[in-house]
Amino acid sequence: WKELEILNLLHQQSPDIAQGVDRE
């Protein structure tokens, strides 16, 4: 756990997906 090389590639959720979820 101390020696791990960690690459973070998280990005913003697609607005095309978000618009459907926003309508529940």
mmCIF file of all heavy atoms, coordinates in Angstrom:
data_MODEL
# 
_entry.id   MODEL 
# 
loop_
_atom_site.group_PDB 
_atom_site.id 
_atom_site.type_symbol 
_atom_site.label_atom_id 
_atom_site.label_alt_id 
_atom_site.label_comp_id 
_atom_site.label_asym_id 
_atom_site.label_entity_id 
_atom_site.label_seq_id 
_atom_site.pdbx_PDB_ins_code 
_atom_site.Cartn_x 
_atom_site.Cartn_y 
_atom_site.Cartn_z 
_atom_site.occupancy 
_atom_site.B_iso_or_equiv 
_atom_site.pdbx_formal_charge 
_atom_site.auth_seq_id 
_atom_site.auth_comp_id 
_atom_site.auth_asym_id 
_atom_site.auth_atom_id 
_atom_site.pdbx_PDB_model_num 
ATOM 1   N N   . TRP A 1 1  ? 0.810   -1.219 0.000   1.00 0.00 ? 1  TRP A N   1 
ATOM 2   C CA  . TRP A 1 1  ? 0.000   0.000  0.000   1.00 0.00 ? 1  TRP A CA  1 
ATOM 3   C C   . TRP A 1 1  ? 0.849   1.279  0.000   1.00 0.00 ? 1  TRP A C   1 
ATOM 4   O O   . TRP A 1 1  ? 0.448   2.296  -0.572  1.00 0.00 ? 1  TRP A O   1 
ATOM 5   C CB  . TRP A 1 1  ? -0.949  0.000  1.198   1.00 0.00 ? 1  TRP A CB  1 
ATOM 6   C CG  . TRP A 1 1  ? -0.304  0.006  2.554   1.00 0.00 ? 1  TRP A CG  1 
ATOM 7   C CD1 . TRP A 1 1  ? 0.095   -1.072 3.279   1.00 0.00 ? 1  TRP A CD1 1 
ATOM 8   C CD2 . TRP A 1 1  ? 0.022   1.154  3.337   1.00 0.00 ? 1  TRP A CD2 1 
ATOM 9   N NE1 . TRP A 1 1  ? 0.652   -0.671 4.470   1.00 0.00 ? 1  TRP A NE1 1 
ATOM 10  C CE2 . TRP A 1 1  ? 0.611   0.693  4.537   1.00 0.00 ? 1  TRP A CE2 1 
ATOM 11  C CE3 . TRP A 1 1  ? -0.131  2.532  3.162   1.00 0.00 ? 1  TRP A CE3 1 
ATOM 12  C CZ2 . TRP A 1 1  ? 1.051   1.549  5.537   1.00 0.00 ? 1  TRP A CZ2 1 
ATOM 13  C CZ3 . TRP A 1 1  ? 0.311   3.399  4.156   1.00 0.00 ? 1  TRP A CZ3 1 
ATOM 14  C CH2 . TRP A 1 1  ? 0.900   2.900  5.324   1.00 0.00 ? 1  TRP A CH2 1 
ATOM 15  N N   . LYS A 1 2  ? 2.025   1.225  0.604   1.00 0.00 ? 2  LYS A N   1 
ATOM 16  C CA  . LYS A 1 2  ? 2.889   2.403  0.633   1.00 0.00 ? 2  LYS A CA  1 
ATOM 17  C C   . LYS A 1 2  ? 3.569   2.672  -0.709  1.00 0.00 ? 2  LYS A C   1 
ATOM 18  O O   . LYS A 1 2  ? 3.869   3.821  -1.045  1.00 0.00 ? 2  LYS A O   1 
ATOM 19  C CB  . LYS A 1 2  ? 3.985   2.226  1.700   1.00 0.00 ? 2  LYS A CB  1 
ATOM 20  C CG  . LYS A 1 2  ? 3.551   2.477  3.124   1.00 0.00 ? 2  LYS A CG  1 
ATOM 21  C CD  . LYS A 1 2  ? 4.768   2.393  4.043   1.00 0.00 ? 2  LYS A CD  1 
ATOM 22  C CE  . LYS A 1 2  ? 4.381   2.653  5.492   1.00 0.00 ? 2  LYS A CE  1 
ATOM 23  N NZ  . LYS A 1 2  ? 5.568   2.549  6.385   1.00 0.00 ? 2  LYS A NZ  1 
ATOM 24  N N   . GLU A 1 3  ? 3.834   1.601  -1.461  1.00 0.00 ? 3  GLU A N   1 
ATOM 25  C CA  . GLU A 1 3  ? 4.658   1.717  -2.669  1.00 0.00 ? 3  GLU A CA  1 
ATOM 26  C C   . GLU A 1 3  ? 3.848   1.847  -3.953  1.00 0.00 ? 3  GLU A C   1 
ATOM 27  O O   . GLU A 1 3  ? 4.413   1.996  -5.036  1.00 0.00 ? 3  GLU A O   1 
ATOM 28  C CB  . GLU A 1 3  ? 5.577   0.480  -2.777  1.00 0.00 ? 3  GLU A CB  1 
ATOM 29  C CG  . GLU A 1 3  ? 6.393   0.178  -1.536  1.00 0.00 ? 3  GLU A CG  1 
ATOM 30  C CD  . GLU A 1 3  ? 7.328   1.315  -1.168  1.00 0.00 ? 3  GLU A CD  1 
ATOM 31  O OE1 . GLU A 1 3  ? 7.792   2.010  -2.095  1.00 0.00 ? 3  GLU A OE1 1 
ATOM 32  O OE2 . GLU A 1 3  ? 7.579   1.520  0.033   1.00 0.00 ? 3  GLU A OE2 1 
ATOM 33  N N   . LEU A 1 4  ? 2.547   1.806  -3.872  1.00 0.00 ? 4  LEU A N   1 
ATOM 34  C CA  . LEU A 1 4  ? 1.720   1.796  -5.075  1.00 0.00 ? 4  LEU A CA  1 
ATOM 35  C C   . LEU A 1 4  ? 1.894   3.048  -5.928  1.00 0.00 ? 4  LEU A C   1 
ATOM 36  O O   . LEU A 1 4  ? 1.933   4.171  -5.415  1.00 0.00 ? 4  LEU A O   1 
ATOM 37  C CB  . LEU A 1 4  ? 0.237   1.691  -4.689  1.00 0.00 ? 4  LEU A CB  1 
ATOM 38  C CG  . LEU A 1 4  ? -0.245  0.367  -4.083  1.00 0.00 ? 4  LEU A CG  1 
ATOM 39  C CD1 . LEU A 1 4  ? -1.703  0.504  -3.670  1.00 0.00 ? 4  LEU A CD1 1 
ATOM 40  C CD2 . LEU A 1 4  ? -0.070  -0.779 -5.063  1.00 0.00 ? 4  LEU A CD2 1 
ATOM 41  N N   . GLU A 1 5  ? 2.000   2.844  -7.224  1.00 0.00 ? 5  GLU A N   1 
ATOM 42  C CA  . GLU A 1 5  ? 1.915   3.934  -8.194  1.00 0.00 ? 5  GLU A CA  1 
ATOM 43  C C   . GLU A 1 5  ? 0.454   4.043  -8.608  1.00 0.00 ? 5  GLU A C   1 
ATOM 44  O O   . GLU A 1 5  ? -0.111  3.089  -9.159  1.00 0.00 ? 5  GLU A O   1 
ATOM 45  C CB  . GLU A 1 5  ? 2.801   3.642  -9.403  1.00 0.00 ? 5  GLU A CB  1 
ATOM 46  C CG  . GLU A 1 5  ? 2.768   4.720  -10.463 1.00 0.00 ? 5  GLU A CG  1 
ATOM 47  C CD  . GLU A 1 5  ? 3.580   4.347  -11.685 1.00 0.00 ? 5  GLU A CD  1 
ATOM 48  O OE1 . GLU A 1 5  ? 4.472   3.471  -11.583 1.00 0.00 ? 5  GLU A OE1 1 
ATOM 49  O OE2 . GLU A 1 5  ? 3.312   4.917  -12.768 1.00 0.00 ? 5  GLU A OE2 1 
ATOM 50  N N   . ILE A 1 6  ? -0.174  5.177  -8.337  1.00 0.00 ? 6  ILE A N   1 
ATOM 51  C CA  . ILE A 1 6  ? -1.620  5.329  -8.538  1.00 0.00 ? 6  ILE A CA  1 
ATOM 52  C C   . ILE A 1 6  ? -1.885  6.350  -9.631  1.00 0.00 ? 6  ILE A C   1 
ATOM 53  O O   . ILE A 1 6  ? -1.431  7.497  -9.551  1.00 0.00 ? 6  ILE A O   1 
ATOM 54  C CB  . ILE A 1 6  ? -2.311  5.748  -7.224  1.00 0.00 ? 6  ILE A CB  1 
ATOM 55  C CG1 . ILE A 1 6  ? -2.046  4.702  -6.128  1.00 0.00 ? 6  ILE A CG1 1 
ATOM 56  C CG2 . ILE A 1 6  ? -3.810  5.946  -7.445  1.00 0.00 ? 6  ILE A CG2 1 
ATOM 57  C CD1 . ILE A 1 6  ? -2.383  5.167  -4.726  1.00 0.00 ? 6  ILE A CD1 1 
ATOM 58  N N   . LEU A 1 7  ? -2.626  5.930  -10.646 1.00 0.00 ? 7  LEU A N   1 
ATOM 59  C CA  . LEU A 1 7  ? -2.993  6.807  -11.754 1.00 0.00 ? 7  LEU A CA  1 
ATOM 60  C C   . LEU A 1 7  ? -4.495  7.068  -11.694 1.00 0.00 ? 7  LEU A C   1 
ATOM 61  O O   . LEU A 1 7  ? -5.295  6.139  -11.783 1.00 0.00 ? 7  LEU A O   1 
ATOM 62  C CB  . LEU A 1 7  ? -2.621  6.159  -13.092 1.00 0.00 ? 7  LEU A CB  1 
ATOM 63  C CG  . LEU A 1 7  ? -2.970  6.937  -14.369 1.00 0.00 ? 7  LEU A CG  1 
ATOM 64  C CD1 . LEU A 1 7  ? -2.267  8.287  -14.390 1.00 0.00 ? 7  LEU A CD1 1 
ATOM 65  C CD2 . LEU A 1 7  ? -2.613  6.116  -15.602 1.00 0.00 ? 7  LEU A CD2 1 
ATOM 66  N N   . ASN A 1 8  ? -4.871  8.322  -11.538 1.00 0.00 ? 8  ASN A N   1 
ATOM 67  C CA  . ASN A 1 8  ? -6.276  8.707  -11.412 1.00 0.00 ? 8  ASN A CA  1 
ATOM 68  C C   . ASN A 1 8  ? -6.761  9.325  -12.728 1.00 0.00 ? 8  ASN A C   1 
ATOM 69  O O   . ASN A 1 8  ? -6.319  10.406 -13.116 1.00 0.00 ? 8  ASN A O   1 
ATOM 70  C CB  . ASN A 1 8  ? -6.444  9.700  -10.260 1.00 0.00 ? 8  ASN A CB  1 
ATOM 71  C CG  . ASN A 1 8  ? -7.869  10.230 -10.156 1.00 0.00 ? 8  ASN A CG  1 
ATOM 72  O OD1 . ASN A 1 8  ? -8.804  9.653  -10.699 1.00 0.00 ? 8  ASN A OD1 1 
ATOM 73  N ND2 . ASN A 1 8  ? -8.038  11.335 -9.455  1.00 0.00 ? 8  ASN A ND2 1 
ATOM 74  N N   . LEU A 1 9  ? -7.685  8.635  -13.398 1.00 0.00 ? 9  LEU A N   1 
ATOM 75  C CA  . LEU A 1 9  ? -8.222  9.105  -14.677 1.00 0.00 ? 9  LEU A CA  1 
ATOM 76  C C   . LEU A 1 9  ? -9.720  9.404  -14.600 1.00 0.00 ? 9  LEU A C   1 
ATOM 77  O O   . LEU A 1 9  ? -10.402 9.415  -15.627 1.00 0.00 ? 9  LEU A O   1 
ATOM 78  C CB  . LEU A 1 9  ? -7.965  8.046  -15.766 1.00 0.00 ? 9  LEU A CB  1 
ATOM 79  C CG  . LEU A 1 9  ? -6.493  7.694  -16.026 1.00 0.00 ? 9  LEU A CG  1 
ATOM 80  C CD1 . LEU A 1 9  ? -6.390  6.562  -17.048 1.00 0.00 ? 9  LEU A CD1 1 
ATOM 81  C CD2 . LEU A 1 9  ? -5.719  8.910  -16.498 1.00 0.00 ? 9  LEU A CD2 1 
ATOM 82  N N   . LEU A 1 10 ? -10.242 9.639  -13.407 1.00 0.00 ? 10 LEU A N   1 
ATOM 83  C CA  . LEU A 1 10 ? -11.652 9.978  -13.262 1.00 0.00 ? 10 LEU A CA  1 
ATOM 84  C C   . LEU A 1 10 ? -11.960 11.302 -13.970 1.00 0.00 ? 10 LEU A C   1 
ATOM 85  O O   . LEU A 1 10 ? -11.157 12.230 -13.944 1.00 0.00 ? 10 LEU A O   1 
ATOM 86  C CB  . LEU A 1 10 ? -12.029 10.099 -11.780 1.00 0.00 ? 10 LEU A CB  1 
ATOM 87  C CG  . LEU A 1 10 ? -12.095 8.792  -10.987 1.00 0.00 ? 10 LEU A CG  1 
ATOM 88  C CD1 . LEU A 1 10 ? -12.280 9.087  -9.502  1.00 0.00 ? 10 LEU A CD1 1 
ATOM 89  C CD2 . LEU A 1 10 ? -13.216 7.888  -11.491 1.00 0.00 ? 10 LEU A CD2 1 
ATOM 90  N N   . HIS A 1 11 ? -13.125 11.387 -14.589 1.00 0.00 ? 11 HIS A N   1 
ATOM 91  C CA  . HIS A 1 11 ? -13.524 12.617 -15.283 1.00 0.00 ? 11 HIS A CA  1 
ATOM 92  C C   . HIS A 1 11 ? -15.006 12.889 -15.049 1.00 0.00 ? 11 HIS A C   1 
ATOM 93  O O   . HIS A 1 11 ? -15.725 12.076 -14.457 1.00 0.00 ? 11 HIS A O   1 
ATOM 94  C CB  . HIS A 1 11 ? -13.225 12.512 -16.788 1.00 0.00 ? 11 HIS A CB  1 
ATOM 95  C CG  . HIS A 1 11 ? -13.940 11.372 -17.469 1.00 0.00 ? 11 HIS A CG  1 
ATOM 96  N ND1 . HIS A 1 11 ? -15.236 11.461 -17.918 1.00 0.00 ? 11 HIS A ND1 1 
ATOM 97  C CD2 . HIS A 1 11 ? -13.525 10.115 -17.766 1.00 0.00 ? 11 HIS A CD2 1 
ATOM 98  C CE1 . HIS A 1 11 ? -15.596 10.315 -18.460 1.00 0.00 ? 11 HIS A CE1 1 
ATOM 99  N NE2 . HIS A 1 11 ? -14.577 9.479  -18.384 1.00 0.00 ? 11 HIS A NE2 1 
ATOM 100 N N   . GLN A 1 12 ? -15.473 14.008 -15.536 1.00 0.00 ? 12 GLN A N   1 
ATOM 101 C CA  . GLN A 1 12 ? -16.851 14.451 -15.329 1.00 0.00 ? 12 GLN A CA  1 
ATOM 102 C C   . GLN A 1 12 ? -17.834 13.529 -16.052 1.00 0.00 ? 12 GLN A C   1 
ATOM 103 O O   . GLN A 1 12 ? -17.574 13.081 -17.170 1.00 0.00 ? 12 GLN A O   1 
ATOM 104 C CB  . GLN A 1 12 ? -17.025 15.882 -15.847 1.00 0.00 ? 12 GLN A CB  1 
ATOM 105 C CG  . GLN A 1 12 ? -18.359 16.527 -15.499 1.00 0.00 ? 12 GLN A CG  1 
ATOM 106 C CD  . GLN A 1 12 ? -18.480 16.858 -14.018 1.00 0.00 ? 12 GLN A CD  1 
ATOM 107 O OE1 . GLN A 1 12 ? -17.496 17.182 -13.379 1.00 0.00 ? 12 GLN A OE1 1 
ATOM 108 N NE2 . GLN A 1 12 ? -19.679 16.753 -13.479 1.00 0.00 ? 12 GLN A NE2 1 
ATOM 109 N N   . GLN A 1 13 ? -18.982 13.252 -15.413 1.00 0.00 ? 13 GLN A N   1 
ATOM 110 C CA  . GLN A 1 13 ? -20.019 12.447 -16.050 1.00 0.00 ? 13 GLN A CA  1 
ATOM 111 C C   . GLN A 1 13 ? -20.537 13.129 -17.312 1.00 0.00 ? 13 GLN A C   1 
ATOM 112 O O   . GLN A 1 13 ? -20.698 14.347 -17.360 1.00 0.00 ? 13 GLN A O   1 
ATOM 113 C CB  . GLN A 1 13 ? -21.194 12.215 -15.095 1.00 0.00 ? 13 GLN A CB  1 
ATOM 114 C CG  . GLN A 1 13 ? -22.279 11.304 -15.671 1.00 0.00 ? 13 GLN A CG  1 
ATOM 115 C CD  . GLN A 1 13 ? -23.479 11.172 -14.752 1.00 0.00 ? 13 GLN A CD  1 
ATOM 116 O OE1 . GLN A 1 13 ? -24.027 12.151 -14.271 1.00 0.00 ? 13 GLN A OE1 1 
ATOM 117 N NE2 . GLN A 1 13 ? -23.898 9.941  -14.500 1.00 0.00 ? 13 GLN A NE2 1 
ATOM 118 N N   . SER A 1 14 ? -20.803 12.333 -18.324 1.00 0.00 ? 14 SER A N   1 
ATOM 119 C CA  . SER A 1 14 ? -21.324 12.858 -19.584 1.00 0.00 ? 14 SER A CA  1 
ATOM 120 C C   . SER A 1 14 ? -22.653 13.572 -19.364 1.00 0.00 ? 14 SER A C   1 
ATOM 121 O O   . SER A 1 14 ? -23.559 13.035 -18.729 1.00 0.00 ? 14 SER A O   1 
ATOM 122 C CB  . SER A 1 14 ? -21.528 11.711 -20.581 1.00 0.00 ? 14 SER A CB  1 
ATOM 123 O OG  . SER A 1 14 ? -22.382 12.097 -21.636 1.00 0.00 ? 14 SER A OG  1 
ATOM 124 N N   . PRO A 1 15 ? -22.811 14.777 -19.912 1.00 0.00 ? 15 PRO A N   1 
ATOM 125 C CA  . PRO A 1 15 ? -24.098 15.489 -19.777 1.00 0.00 ? 15 PRO A CA  1 
ATOM 126 C C   . PRO A 1 15 ? -25.236 14.757 -20.497 1.00 0.00 ? 15 PRO A C   1 
ATOM 127 O O   . PRO A 1 15 ? -26.400 14.913 -20.128 1.00 0.00 ? 15 PRO A O   1 
ATOM 128 C CB  . PRO A 1 15 ? -23.811 16.852 -20.413 1.00 0.00 ? 15 PRO A CB  1 
ATOM 129 C CG  . PRO A 1 15 ? -22.636 16.640 -21.304 1.00 0.00 ? 15 PRO A CG  1 
ATOM 130 C CD  . PRO A 1 15 ? -21.808 15.583 -20.637 1.00 0.00 ? 15 PRO A CD  1 
ATOM 131 N N   . ASP A 1 16 ? -24.911 13.932 -21.488 1.00 0.00 ? 16 ASP A N   1 
ATOM 132 C CA  . ASP A 1 16 ? -25.940 13.170 -22.197 1.00 0.00 ? 16 ASP A CA  1 
ATOM 133 C C   . ASP A 1 16 ? -26.562 12.112 -21.287 1.00 0.00 ? 16 ASP A C   1 
ATOM 134 O O   . ASP A 1 16 ? -27.750 11.813 -21.384 1.00 0.00 ? 16 ASP A O   1 
ATOM 135 C CB  . ASP A 1 16 ? -25.338 12.493 -23.437 1.00 0.00 ? 16 ASP A CB  1 
ATOM 136 C CG  . ASP A 1 16 ? -24.894 13.501 -24.489 1.00 0.00 ? 16 ASP A CG  1 
ATOM 137 O OD1 . ASP A 1 16 ? -25.277 14.684 -24.363 1.00 0.00 ? 16 ASP A OD1 1 
ATOM 138 O OD2 . ASP A 1 16 ? -24.180 13.105 -25.418 1.00 0.00 ? 16 ASP A OD2 1 
ATOM 139 N N   . ILE A 1 17 ? -25.736 11.527 -20.413 1.00 0.00 ? 17 ILE A N   1 
ATOM 140 C CA  . ILE A 1 17 ? -26.252 10.578 -19.428 1.00 0.00 ? 17 ILE A CA  1 
ATOM 141 C C   . ILE A 1 17 ? -26.963 11.329 -18.309 1.00 0.00 ? 17 ILE A C   1 
ATOM 142 O O   . ILE A 1 17 ? -28.048 10.951 -17.873 1.00 0.00 ? 17 ILE A O   1 
ATOM 143 C CB  . ILE A 1 17 ? -25.103 9.714  -18.855 1.00 0.00 ? 17 ILE A CB  1 
ATOM 144 C CG1 . ILE A 1 17 ? -24.511 8.825  -19.953 1.00 0.00 ? 17 ILE A CG1 1 
ATOM 145 C CG2 . ILE A 1 17 ? -25.593 8.863  -17.681 1.00 0.00 ? 17 ILE A CG2 1 
ATOM 146 C CD1 . ILE A 1 17 ? -23.282 8.054  -19.517 1.00 0.00 ? 17 ILE A CD1 1 
ATOM 147 N N   . ALA A 1 18 ? -26.346 12.416 -17.860 1.00 0.00 ? 18 ALA A N   1 
ATOM 148 C CA  . ALA A 1 18 ? -26.870 13.171 -16.720 1.00 0.00 ? 18 ALA A CA  1 
ATOM 149 C C   . ALA A 1 18 ? -28.287 13.683 -16.971 1.00 0.00 ? 18 ALA A C   1 
ATOM 150 O O   . ALA A 1 18 ? -29.115 13.701 -16.057 1.00 0.00 ? 18 ALA A O   1 
ATOM 151 C CB  . ALA A 1 18 ? -25.940 14.335 -16.387 1.00 0.00 ? 18 ALA A CB  1 
ATOM 152 N N   . GLN A 1 19 ? -28.583 14.096 -18.215 1.00 0.00 ? 19 GLN A N   1 
ATOM 153 C CA  . GLN A 1 19 ? -29.894 14.693 -18.475 1.00 0.00 ? 19 GLN A CA  1 
ATOM 154 C C   . GLN A 1 19 ? -31.031 13.686 -18.253 1.00 0.00 ? 19 GLN A C   1 
ATOM 155 O O   . GLN A 1 19 ? -32.110 14.057 -17.795 1.00 0.00 ? 19 GLN A O   1 
ATOM 156 C CB  . GLN A 1 19 ? -29.955 15.254 -19.897 1.00 0.00 ? 19 GLN A CB  1 
ATOM 157 C CG  . GLN A 1 19 ? -29.847 14.227 -21.017 1.00 0.00 ? 19 GLN A CG  1 
ATOM 158 C CD  . GLN A 1 19 ? -29.904 14.871 -22.396 1.00 0.00 ? 19 GLN A CD  1 
ATOM 159 O OE1 . GLN A 1 19 ? -30.212 16.052 -22.520 1.00 0.00 ? 19 GLN A OE1 1 
ATOM 160 N NE2 . GLN A 1 19 ? -29.613 14.078 -23.426 1.00 0.00 ? 19 GLN A NE2 1 
ATOM 161 N N   . GLY A 1 20 ? -30.793 12.408 -18.549 1.00 0.00 ? 20 GLY A N   1 
ATOM 162 C CA  . GLY A 1 20 ? -31.819 11.400 -18.314 1.00 0.00 ? 20 GLY A CA  1 
ATOM 163 C C   . GLY A 1 20 ? -32.010 11.110 -16.843 1.00 0.00 ? 20 GLY A C   1 
ATOM 164 O O   . GLY A 1 20 ? -33.127 10.952 -16.359 1.00 0.00 ? 20 GLY A O   1 
ATOM 165 N N   . VAL A 1 21 ? -30.887 11.077 -16.111 1.00 0.00 ? 21 VAL A N   1 
ATOM 166 C CA  . VAL A 1 21 ? -30.956 10.814 -14.674 1.00 0.00 ? 21 VAL A CA  1 
ATOM 167 C C   . VAL A 1 21 ? -31.561 12.001 -13.945 1.00 0.00 ? 21 VAL A C   1 
ATOM 168 O O   . VAL A 1 21 ? -32.292 11.840 -12.963 1.00 0.00 ? 21 VAL A O   1 
ATOM 169 C CB  . VAL A 1 21 ? -29.541 10.493 -14.127 1.00 0.00 ? 21 VAL A CB  1 
ATOM 170 C CG1 . VAL A 1 21 ? -29.601 10.213 -12.629 1.00 0.00 ? 21 VAL A CG1 1 
ATOM 171 C CG2 . VAL A 1 21 ? -28.945 9.300  -14.857 1.00 0.00 ? 21 VAL A CG2 1 
ATOM 172 N N   . ASP A 1 22 ? -31.280 13.216 -14.433 1.00 0.00 ? 22 ASP A N   1 
ATOM 173 C CA  . ASP A 1 22 ? -31.847 14.422 -13.822 1.00 0.00 ? 22 ASP A CA  1 
ATOM 174 C C   . ASP A 1 22 ? -33.373 14.406 -13.859 1.00 0.00 ? 22 ASP A C   1 
ATOM 175 O O   . ASP A 1 22 ? -34.031 15.016 -13.007 1.00 0.00 ? 22 ASP A O   1 
ATOM 176 C CB  . ASP A 1 22 ? -31.335 15.675 -14.531 1.00 0.00 ? 22 ASP A CB  1 
ATOM 177 C CG  . ASP A 1 22 ? -29.855 15.939 -14.265 1.00 0.00 ? 22 ASP A CG  1 
ATOM 178 O OD1 . ASP A 1 22 ? -29.344 15.398 -13.272 1.00 0.00 ? 22 ASP A OD1 1 
ATOM 179 O OD2 . ASP A 1 22 ? -29.229 16.665 -15.056 1.00 0.00 ? 22 ASP A OD2 1 
ATOM 180 N N   . ARG A 1 23 ? -33.942 13.724 -14.833 1.00 0.00 ? 23 ARG A N   1 
ATOM 181 C CA  . ARG A 1 23 ? -35.406 13.590 -14.925 1.00 0.00 ? 23 ARG A CA  1 
ATOM 182 C C   . ARG A 1 23 ? -35.903 12.388 -14.118 1.00 0.00 ? 23 ARG A C   1 
ATOM 183 O O   . ARG A 1 23 ? -37.038 11.942 -14.290 1.00 0.00 ? 23 ARG A O   1 
ATOM 184 C CB  . ARG A 1 23 ? -35.825 13.439 -16.389 1.00 0.00 ? 23 ARG A CB  1 
ATOM 185 C CG  . ARG A 1 23 ? -35.493 14.635 -17.276 1.00 0.00 ? 23 ARG A CG  1 
ATOM 186 C CD  . ARG A 1 23 ? -36.272 14.569 -18.592 1.00 0.00 ? 23 ARG A CD  1 
ATOM 187 N NE  . ARG A 1 23 ? -35.973 13.362 -19.344 1.00 0.00 ? 23 ARG A NE  1 
ATOM 188 C CZ  . ARG A 1 23 ? -35.050 13.299 -20.317 1.00 0.00 ? 23 ARG A CZ  1 
ATOM 189 N NH1 . ARG A 1 23 ? -34.344 14.375 -20.624 1.00 0.00 ? 23 ARG A NH1 1 
ATOM 190 N NH2 . ARG A 1 23 ? -34.832 12.169 -20.962 1.00 0.00 ? 23 ARG A NH2 1 
ATOM 191 N N   . GLU A 1 24 ? -35.019 11.847 -13.265 1.00 0.00 ? 24 GLU A N   1 
ATOM 192 C CA  . GLU A 1 24 ? -35.313 10.695 -12.410 1.00 0.00 ? 24 GLU A CA  1 
ATOM 193 C C   . GLU A 1 24 ? -35.523 9.420  -13.214 1.00 0.00 ? 24 GLU A C   1 
ATOM 194 O O   . GLU A 1 24 ? -36.198 8.486  -12.781 1.00 0.00 ? 24 GLU A O   1 
ATOM 195 C CB  . GLU A 1 24 ? -36.516 10.965 -11.497 1.00 0.00 ? 24 GLU A CB  1 
ATOM 196 C CG  . GLU A 1 24 ? -36.278 12.114 -10.531 1.00 0.00 ? 24 GLU A CG  1 
ATOM 197 C CD  . GLU A 1 24 ? -37.324 12.194 -9.438  1.00 0.00 ? 24 GLU A CD  1 
ATOM 198 O OE1 . GLU A 1 24 ? -38.366 11.532 -9.550  1.00 0.00 ? 24 GLU A OE1 1 
ATOM 199 O OE2 . GLU A 1 24 ? -37.079 12.918 -8.471  1.00 0.00 ? 24 GLU A OE2 1 
# 
